[in-house]
C-alpha atoms as a PDB file:
ATOM      1  CA  MET A   1       0.012   0.044  -0.001  1.00  0.00           C
ATOM      2  CA  PRO A   2       1.233   3.568  -0.621  1.00  0.00           C
ATOM      3  CA  VAL A   3       2.267   5.549   2.398  1.00  0.00           C
ATOM      4  CA  ALA A   4       1.612   9.312   3.106  1.00  0.00           C
ATOM      5  CA  ILE A   5       2.860  11.640   5.787  1.00  0.00           C
ATOM      6  CA  ILE A   6       0.332  14.368   6.597  1.00  0.00           C
ATOM      7  CA  THR A   7       1.135  17.231   8.925  1.00  0.00           C
ATOM      8  CA  GLY A   8      -1.617  19.158  10.790  1.00  0.00           C
ATOM      9  CA  ALA A   9      -3.845  16.125  10.474  1.00  0.00           C
ATOM     10  CA  SER A  10      -5.898  16.394  13.693  1.00  0.00           C
ATOM     11  CA  LYS A  11      -8.710  18.452  12.127  1.00  0.00           C
ATOM     12  CA  GLY A  12      -9.773  20.554   9.178  1.00  0.00           C
ATOM     13  CA  LEU A  13      -8.215  19.873   5.786  1.00  0.00           C
ATOM     14  CA  GLY A  14      -5.466  17.586   7.173  1.00  0.00           C
ATOM     15  CA  GLU A  15      -7.994  15.264   8.792  1.00  0.00           C
ATOM     16  CA  ALA A  16     -10.231  15.341   5.710  1.00  0.00           C
ATOM     17  CA  LEU A  17      -7.287  14.462   3.424  1.00  0.00           C
ATOM     18  CA  ALA A  18      -6.350  11.654   5.781  1.00  0.00           C
ATOM     19  CA  ARG A  19      -9.851  10.178   5.556  1.00  0.00           C
ATOM     20  CA  GLY A  20      -9.867  10.577   1.740  1.00  0.00           C
ATOM     21  CA  LEU A  21      -6.591   8.717   1.384  1.00  0.00           C
ATOM     22  CA  ALA A  22      -7.567   6.036   3.895  1.00  0.00           C
ATOM     23  CA  GLU A  23     -10.718   5.290   1.875  1.00  0.00           C
ATOM     24  CA  ARG A  24      -8.354   4.523  -1.008  1.00  0.00           C
ATOM     25  CA  GLY A  25      -6.218   2.213   1.015  1.00  0.00           C
ATOM     26  CA  TRP A  26      -3.320   4.459   1.860  1.00  0.00           C
ATOM     27  CA  ASP A  27      -1.275   3.862   4.990  1.00  0.00           C
ATOM     28  CA  LEU A  28      -0.724   7.043   6.935  1.00  0.00           C
ATOM     29  CA  VAL A  29       1.577   8.791   9.352  1.00  0.00           C
ATOM     30  CA  LEU A  30      -0.314  11.631  10.973  1.00  0.00           C
ATOM     31  CA  ASP A  31       1.122  14.628  12.862  1.00  0.00           C
ATOM     32  CA  ALA A  32      -0.320  17.447  14.954  1.00  0.00           C
ATOM     33  CA  ARG A  33       0.658  19.296  18.046  1.00  0.00           C
ATOM     34  CA  ASP A  34      -2.349  18.344  20.211  1.00  0.00           C
ATOM     35  CA  PRO A  35      -2.432  14.579  20.894  1.00  0.00           C
ATOM     36  CA  VAL A  36      -6.132  14.404  21.908  1.00  0.00           C
ATOM     37  CA  PRO A  37      -7.776  15.551  18.647  1.00  0.00           C
ATOM     38  CA  LEU A  38      -5.032  13.759  16.688  1.00  0.00           C
ATOM     39  CA  ALA A  39      -5.964  10.480  18.376  1.00  0.00           C
ATOM     40  CA  GLU A  40      -9.648  11.134  17.677  1.00  0.00           C
ATOM     41  CA  ALA A  41      -8.922  11.832  13.999  1.00  0.00           C
ATOM     42  CA  ALA A  42      -6.799   8.682  13.765  1.00  0.00           C
ATOM     43  CA  GLY A  43      -9.650   6.655  15.156  1.00  0.00           C
ATOM     44  CA  LEU A  44     -11.932   7.845  12.348  1.00  0.00           C
ATOM     45  CA  VAL A  45      -9.292   7.247   9.721  1.00  0.00           C
ATOM     46  CA  SER A  46      -8.312   3.774  10.889  1.00  0.00           C
ATOM     47  CA  ALA A  47     -12.005   2.726  10.692  1.00  0.00           C
ATOM     48  CA  HIS A  48     -11.293   2.293   6.951  1.00  0.00           C
ATOM     49  CA  GLY A  49      -8.905  -0.508   7.633  1.00  0.00           C
ATOM     50  CA  THR A  50      -5.737   1.405   6.879  1.00  0.00           C
ATOM     51  CA  ARG A  51      -2.617   1.327   9.046  1.00  0.00           C
ATOM     52  CA  VAL A  52      -2.249   4.632  10.867  1.00  0.00           C
ATOM     53  CA  THR A  53       0.712   5.842  12.919  1.00  0.00           C
ATOM     54  CA  VAL A  54       0.048   8.826  15.146  1.00  0.00           C
ATOM     55  CA  LEU A  55       2.968  11.040  16.237  1.00  0.00           C
ATOM     56  CA  PRO A  56       1.953  14.183  18.187  1.00  0.00           C
ATOM     57  CA  GLY A  57       4.660  16.847  18.057  1.00  0.00           C
ATOM     58  CA  ASP A  58       5.771  20.157  16.602  1.00  0.00           C
ATOM     59  CA  VAL A  59       6.788  19.901  12.960  1.00  0.00           C
ATOM     60  CA  THR A  60       9.344  22.715  13.493  1.00  0.00           C
ATOM     61  CA  ASP A  61      11.331  20.179  15.620  1.00  0.00           C
ATOM     62  CA  ALA A  62      13.915  18.360  13.461  1.00  0.00           C
ATOM     63  CA  ALA A  63      13.807  15.258  15.713  1.00  0.00           C
ATOM     64  CA  HIS A  64      10.010  15.023  15.285  1.00  0.00           C
ATOM     65  CA  ARG A  65      10.334  15.286  11.509  1.00  0.00           C
ATOM     66  CA  ALA A  66      12.852  12.448  11.592  1.00  0.00           C
ATOM     67  CA  GLU A  67      10.382  10.404  13.626  1.00  0.00           C
ATOM     68  CA  LEU A  68       7.676  10.976  11.024  1.00  0.00           C
ATOM     69  CA  VAL A  69       9.851   9.741   8.216  1.00  0.00           C
ATOM     70  CA  ALA A  70      11.090   6.790  10.199  1.00  0.00           C
ATOM     71  CA  ALA A  71       7.487   5.793  10.970  1.00  0.00           C
ATOM     72  CA  ALA A  72       6.668   5.943   7.282  1.00  0.00           C
ATOM     73  CA  TRP A  73       9.690   3.802   6.456  1.00  0.00           C
ATOM     74  CA  ARG A  74       8.431   1.153   8.861  1.00  0.00           C
ATOM     75  CA  LEU A  75       5.096   1.133   6.973  1.00  0.00           C
ATOM     76  CA  GLY A  76       6.969   0.618   3.679  1.00  0.00           C
ATOM     77  CA  GLY A  77       8.322   3.992   2.547  1.00  0.00           C
ATOM     78  CA  VAL A  78       7.179   7.457   1.603  1.00  0.00           C
ATOM     79  CA  ASP A  79       5.025   7.913  -1.498  1.00  0.00           C
ATOM     80  CA  LEU A  80       3.530  11.248  -0.571  1.00  0.00           C
ATOM     81  CA  VAL A  81       4.408  14.134   1.814  1.00  0.00           C
ATOM     82  CA  VAL A  82       1.548  16.534   2.555  1.00  0.00           C
ATOM     83  CA  HIS A  83       2.605  19.689   4.372  1.00  0.00           C
ATOM     84  CA  ASN A  84      -0.668  21.050   5.704  1.00  0.00           C
ATOM     85  CA  ALA A  85       0.364  22.377   9.130  1.00  0.00           C
ATOM     86  CA  SER A  86       0.102  26.149   9.221  1.00  0.00           C
ATOM     87  CA  ALA A  87       0.570  29.034  11.598  1.00  0.00           C
ATOM     88  CA  LEU A  88      -0.981  32.474  11.194  1.00  0.00           C
ATOM     89  CA  GLY A  89       1.632  34.615  12.945  1.00  0.00           C
ATOM     90  CA  ALA A  90      -1.092  36.460  14.927  1.00  0.00           C
ATOM     91  CA  GLU A  91      -4.572  35.426  16.142  1.00  0.00           C
ATOM     92  CA  PRO A  92      -6.636  37.277  15.075  1.00  0.00           C
ATOM     93  CA  LEU A  93      -4.685  38.667  12.196  1.00  0.00           C
ATOM     94  CA  VAL A  94      -3.425  42.219  12.415  1.00  0.00           C
ATOM     95  CA  PRO A  95      -1.952  44.808   9.988  1.00  0.00           C
ATOM     96  CA  LEU A  96       1.765  44.565   9.252  1.00  0.00           C
ATOM     97  CA  GLU A  97       2.332  47.604  11.448  1.00  0.00           C
ATOM     98  CA  GLU A  98       1.204  45.597  14.394  1.00  0.00           C
ATOM     99  CA  LEU A  99       2.452  42.106  13.416  1.00  0.00           C
ATOM    100  CA  PRO A 100       4.724  40.717  16.184  1.00  0.00           C
ATOM    101  CA  LEU A 101       8.002  39.750  14.623  1.00  0.00           C
ATOM    102  CA  ASP A 102       8.074  36.627  16.750  1.00  0.00           C
ATOM    103  CA  GLY A 103       4.743  35.703  15.203  1.00  0.00           C
ATOM    104  CA  LEU A 104       6.088  36.189  11.709  1.00  0.00           C
ATOM    105  CA  ARG A 105       9.058  33.995  12.618  1.00  0.00           C
ATOM    106  CA  ARG A 106       6.671  31.327  13.857  1.00  0.00           C
ATOM    107  CA  ALA A 107       4.639  31.441  10.617  1.00  0.00           C
ATOM    108  CA  LEU A 108       7.817  31.118   8.550  1.00  0.00           C
ATOM    109  CA  GLU A 109       9.080  28.282  10.739  1.00  0.00           C
ATOM    110  CA  VAL A 110       5.870  26.267  10.470  1.00  0.00           C
ATOM    111  CA  ASN A 111       4.730  27.123   6.963  1.00  0.00           C
ATOM    112  CA  LEU A 112       8.050  27.235   5.221  1.00  0.00           C
ATOM    113  CA  VAL A 113      11.138  26.027   7.096  1.00  0.00           C
ATOM    114  CA  ALA A 114       9.373  22.914   8.462  1.00  0.00           C
ATOM    115  CA  ALA A 115       8.062  22.047   5.012  1.00  0.00           C
ATOM    116  CA  LEU A 116      11.621  22.029   3.582  1.00  0.00           C
ATOM    117  CA  GLY A 117      12.991  20.178   6.590  1.00  0.00           C
ATOM    118  CA  LEU A 118      10.388  17.429   6.239  1.00  0.00           C
ATOM    119  CA  VAL A 119      11.007  17.131   2.492  1.00  0.00           C
ATOM    120  CA  GLN A 120      14.753  16.993   2.995  1.00  0.00           C
ATOM    121  CA  GLU A 121      14.286  14.185   5.567  1.00  0.00           C
ATOM    122  CA  ALA A 122      11.958  12.216   3.237  1.00  0.00           C
ATOM    123  CA  LEU A 123      13.694  12.796  -0.120  1.00  0.00           C
ATOM    124  CA  PRO A 124      15.649   9.489  -0.246  1.00  0.00           C
ATOM    125  CA  LEU A 125      12.410   7.537   0.262  1.00  0.00           C
ATOM    126  CA  LEU A 126      10.452   9.760  -2.093  1.00  0.00           C
ATOM    127  CA  ARG A 127      13.022   9.274  -4.844  1.00  0.00           C
ATOM    128  CA  SER A 128      12.811   5.522  -4.504  1.00  0.00           C
ATOM    129  CA  ALA A 129       8.990   5.442  -4.619  1.00  0.00           C
ATOM    130  CA  ALA A 130       7.307   4.462  -7.822  1.00  0.00           C
ATOM    131  CA  ALA A 131       5.394   7.716  -7.916  1.00  0.00           C
ATOM    132  CA  GLY A 132       6.805  10.021  -5.239  1.00  0.00           C
ATOM    133  CA  ALA A 133       4.975  13.308  -4.666  1.00  0.00           C
ATOM    134  CA  VAL A 134       5.074  16.372  -2.424  1.00  0.00           C
ATOM    135  CA  LEU A 135       1.949  18.409  -1.801  1.00  0.00           C
ATOM    136  CA  VAL A 136       2.117  21.665   0.055  1.00  0.00           C
ATOM    137  CA  VAL A 137      -1.021  23.585   1.106  1.00  0.00           C
ATOM    138  CA  SER A 138      -0.862  27.181  -0.066  1.00  0.00           C
ATOM    139  CA  SER A 139      -3.398  30.013   0.090  1.00  0.00           C
ATOM    140  CA  ASP A 140      -4.881  32.717  -2.112  1.00  0.00           C
ATOM    141  CA  ALA A 141      -3.173  35.120   0.376  1.00  0.00           C
ATOM    142  CA  ALA A 142       0.083  34.038  -1.275  1.00  0.00           C
ATOM    143  CA  ALA A 143      -0.964  35.678  -4.489  1.00  0.00           C
ATOM    144  CA  GLU A 144      -3.411  38.383  -3.444  1.00  0.00           C
ATOM    145  CA  ALA A 145      -2.805  41.430  -1.155  1.00  0.00           C
ATOM    146  CA  TYR A 146      -5.413  41.151   1.545  1.00  0.00           C
ATOM    147  CA  PRO A 147      -5.191  43.506   4.592  1.00  0.00           C
ATOM    148  CA  THR A 148      -3.971  41.779   7.751  1.00  0.00           C
ATOM    149  CA  TRP A 149      -2.901  38.706   5.795  1.00  0.00           C
ATOM    150  CA  GLY A 150       0.599  40.000   5.020  1.00  0.00           C
ATOM    151  CA  GLY A 151       2.673  37.750   7.288  1.00  0.00           C
ATOM    152  CA  TYR A 152       0.767  34.615   6.587  1.00  0.00           C
ATOM    153  CA  GLY A 153       0.602  35.373   2.881  1.00  0.00           C
ATOM    154  CA  ALA A 154       4.290  36.033   2.668  1.00  0.00           C
ATOM    155  CA  SER A 155       5.070  32.668   4.206  1.00  0.00           C
ATOM    156  CA  LYS A 156       2.777  30.896   1.762  1.00  0.00           C
ATOM    157  CA  ALA A 157       4.219  32.822  -1.210  1.00  0.00           C
ATOM    158  CA  ALA A 158       7.681  31.642  -0.137  1.00  0.00           C
ATOM    159  CA  LEU A 159       6.287  28.135   0.143  1.00  0.00           C
ATOM    160  CA  ASP A 160       4.983  28.300  -3.404  1.00  0.00           C
ATOM    161  CA  GLN A 161       8.416  29.350  -4.662  1.00  0.00           C
ATOM    162  CA  LEU A 162      10.122  26.614  -2.634  1.00  0.00           C
ATOM    163  CA  ALA A 163       7.809  24.051  -4.220  1.00  0.00           C
ATOM    164  CA  ALA A 164       8.489  25.422  -7.702  1.00  0.00           C
ATOM    165  CA  VAL A 165      12.257  25.167  -7.276  1.00  0.00           C
ATOM    166  CA  LEU A 166      11.980  21.703  -5.720  1.00  0.00           C
ATOM    167  CA  ALA A 167      10.035  20.573  -8.804  1.00  0.00           C
ATOM    168  CA  VAL A 168      12.906  21.725 -11.071  1.00  0.00           C
ATOM    169  CA  GLU A 169      15.563  20.181  -8.889  1.00  0.00           C
ATOM    170  CA  GLU A 170      13.618  16.848  -8.509  1.00  0.00           C
ATOM    171  CA  PRO A 171      12.131  16.136 -11.955  1.00  0.00           C
ATOM    172  CA  GLY A 172      11.445  12.524 -10.955  1.00  0.00           C
ATOM    173  CA  LEU A 173       8.894  13.739  -8.362  1.00  0.00           C
ATOM    174  CA  ARG A 174       5.563  15.526  -8.623  1.00  0.00           C
ATOM    175  CA  VAL A 175       5.529  18.682  -6.530  1.00  0.00           C
ATOM    176  CA  TRP A 176       2.237  20.450  -6.210  1.00  0.00           C
ATOM    177  CA  SER A 177       1.342  23.625  -4.318  1.00  0.00           C
ATOM    178  CA  VAL A 178      -2.442  23.766  -3.849  1.00  0.00           C
ATOM    179  CA  ASP A 179      -4.614  26.713  -2.857  1.00  0.00           C
ATOM    180  CA  PRO A 180      -7.669  25.033  -1.297  1.00  0.00           C
ATOM    181  CA  GLY A 181      -9.827  28.101  -1.430  1.00  0.00           C
ATOM    182  CA  ASP A 182     -12.199  29.310   1.350  1.00  0.00           C
ATOM    183  CA  MET A 183     -12.909  26.682   3.997  1.00  0.00           C
ATOM    184  CA  ALA A 184     -14.612  26.506   7.376  1.00  0.00           C
ATOM    185  CA  THR A 185     -11.569  25.727   9.528  1.00  0.00           C
ATOM    186  CA  ASP A 186     -10.379  26.578  12.985  1.00  0.00           C
ATOM    187  CA  LEU A 187      -7.415  28.397  11.392  1.00  0.00           C
ATOM    188  CA  TYR A 188      -9.720  30.749   9.463  1.00  0.00           C
ATOM    189  CA  ALA A 189     -11.922  31.273  12.606  1.00  0.00           C
ATOM    190  CA  ALA A 190      -8.821  32.221  14.562  1.00  0.00           C
ATOM    191  CA  ALA A 191      -7.641  34.552  11.786  1.00  0.00           C
ATOM    192  CA  VAL A 192     -10.906  36.412  11.421  1.00  0.00           C
ATOM    193  CA  PRO A 193     -13.144  35.536  14.413  1.00  0.00           C
ATOM    194  CA  ASP A 194     -15.822  38.149  13.580  1.00  0.00           C
ATOM    195  CA  ASP A 195     -16.471  36.756  10.049  1.00  0.00           C
ATOM    196  CA  ASP A 196     -19.717  34.751  10.231  1.00  0.00           C
ATOM    197  CA  ASP A 197     -20.096  34.080   6.525  1.00  0.00           C
ATOM    198  CA  PRO A 198     -20.635  30.346   5.804  1.00  0.00           C
ATOM    199  CA  ARG A 199     -17.781  28.552   4.123  1.00  0.00           C
ATOM    200  CA  PRO A 200     -17.426  25.108   2.589  1.00  0.00           C
ATOM    201  CA  GLU A 201     -16.315  22.222   4.812  1.00  0.00           C
ATOM    202  CA  PRO A 202     -12.773  20.991   4.141  1.00  0.00           C
ATOM    203  CA  ALA A 203     -14.048  17.627   2.912  1.00  0.00           C
ATOM    204  CA  THR A 204     -15.599  19.331  -0.088  1.00  0.00           C
ATOM    205  CA  VAL A 205     -12.196  20.178  -1.576  1.00  0.00           C
ATOM    206  CA  VAL A 206     -10.573  16.783  -0.930  1.00  0.00           C
ATOM    207  CA  PRO A 207     -11.574  15.514  -4.432  1.00  0.00           C
ATOM    208  CA  ALA A 208      -9.387  18.213  -5.915  1.00  0.00           C
ATOM    209  CA  PHE A 209      -6.400  16.867  -4.063  1.00  0.00           C
ATOM    210  CA  LEU A 210      -7.277  13.296  -5.022  1.00  0.00           C
ATOM    211  CA  ARG A 211      -7.510  14.318  -8.659  1.00  0.00           C
ATOM    212  CA  LEU A 212      -3.856  15.369  -8.598  1.00  0.00           C
ATOM    213  CA  LEU A 213      -2.900  11.917  -7.298  1.00  0.00           C
ATOM    214  CA  ASP A 214      -5.068  10.225  -9.898  1.00  0.00           C
ATOM    215  CA  GLU A 215      -3.944  12.182 -12.918  1.00  0.00           C
ATOM    216  CA  ARG A 216      -0.492  13.317 -11.834  1.00  0.00           C
ATOM    217  CA  PRO A 217      -0.357  16.506 -13.825  1.00  0.00           C
ATOM    218  CA  ALA A 218       2.846  18.474 -14.133  1.00  0.00           C
ATOM    219  CA  SER A 219       4.312  19.940 -11.012  1.00  0.00           C
ATOM    220  CA  GLY A 220       3.041  23.429 -10.326  1.00  0.00           C
ATOM    221  CA  ARG A 221       0.572  25.586  -8.403  1.00  0.00           C
ATOM    222  CA  TYR A 222      -3.078  24.634  -8.565  1.00  0.00           C
ATOM    223  CA  GLY A 223      -6.328  25.946  -7.191  1.00  0.00           C
ATOM    224  CA  ALA A 224      -8.734  23.431  -5.715  1.00  0.00           C
ATOM    225  CA  PRO A 225     -11.864  25.268  -6.939  1.00  0.00           C
ATOM    226  CA  ALA A 226     -10.564  25.106 -10.538  1.00  0.00           C
ATOM    227  CA  LEU A 227      -9.697  21.436 -10.251  1.00  0.00           C
ATOM    228  CA  LEU A 228     -13.172  20.690  -8.988  1.00  0.00           C
ATOM    229  CA  GLU A 229     -14.830  22.722 -11.673  1.00  0.00           C
ATOM    230  CA  GLU A 230     -12.876  21.112 -14.511  1.00  0.00           C
ATOM    231  CA  ARG A 231     -13.910  17.660 -13.295  1.00  0.00           C
ATOM    232  CA  ARG A 232     -17.619  18.406 -13.586  1.00  0.00           C
END
């Protein structure tokens, strides 16, 4: 069975992706900082009969990243790395004038540096996989200038560039950066707590991610809404 590492998998998009892959028979290594919701998510995922390894921890910790890859190796290797874990930099979001520099550093560490560190750790196994792939979760804030989203958006824009360069350097892999679009997640609620507009549940965009795995288009940046629309 193929094996995927998914960071930030205790809830939201990460948990929805884990369920989507489990339904297809993938074995999974799941990460999140809070062990309680991570264990709950793993229980739902393992109900599909897949093997699930749960490793609570901070993805900015190099030792934790090494544990994730080692756990995947014990399941058979690494076919897919999904870097979904994200940090806002400030909760709620604030203008750049007020953005704590420590918050910006945290966003960069989680959203960018940890992504590269995990990929570096997993590269030998990804290269040896029959169809190795890296999938990083981006944002429309990486491409659009939204007030208060500057720090988070900058970290995601850098992540997009990192993915683009990795794709050139590793032509044997597929490297996709995906903007999932608006979703009803705890991250968004923390970013803009006074926004009560309804948003789609994360599970609704999972088919877009699965389409990438099914069709394996060229490495690049994709928008989940466009992938879903094209499939109709």
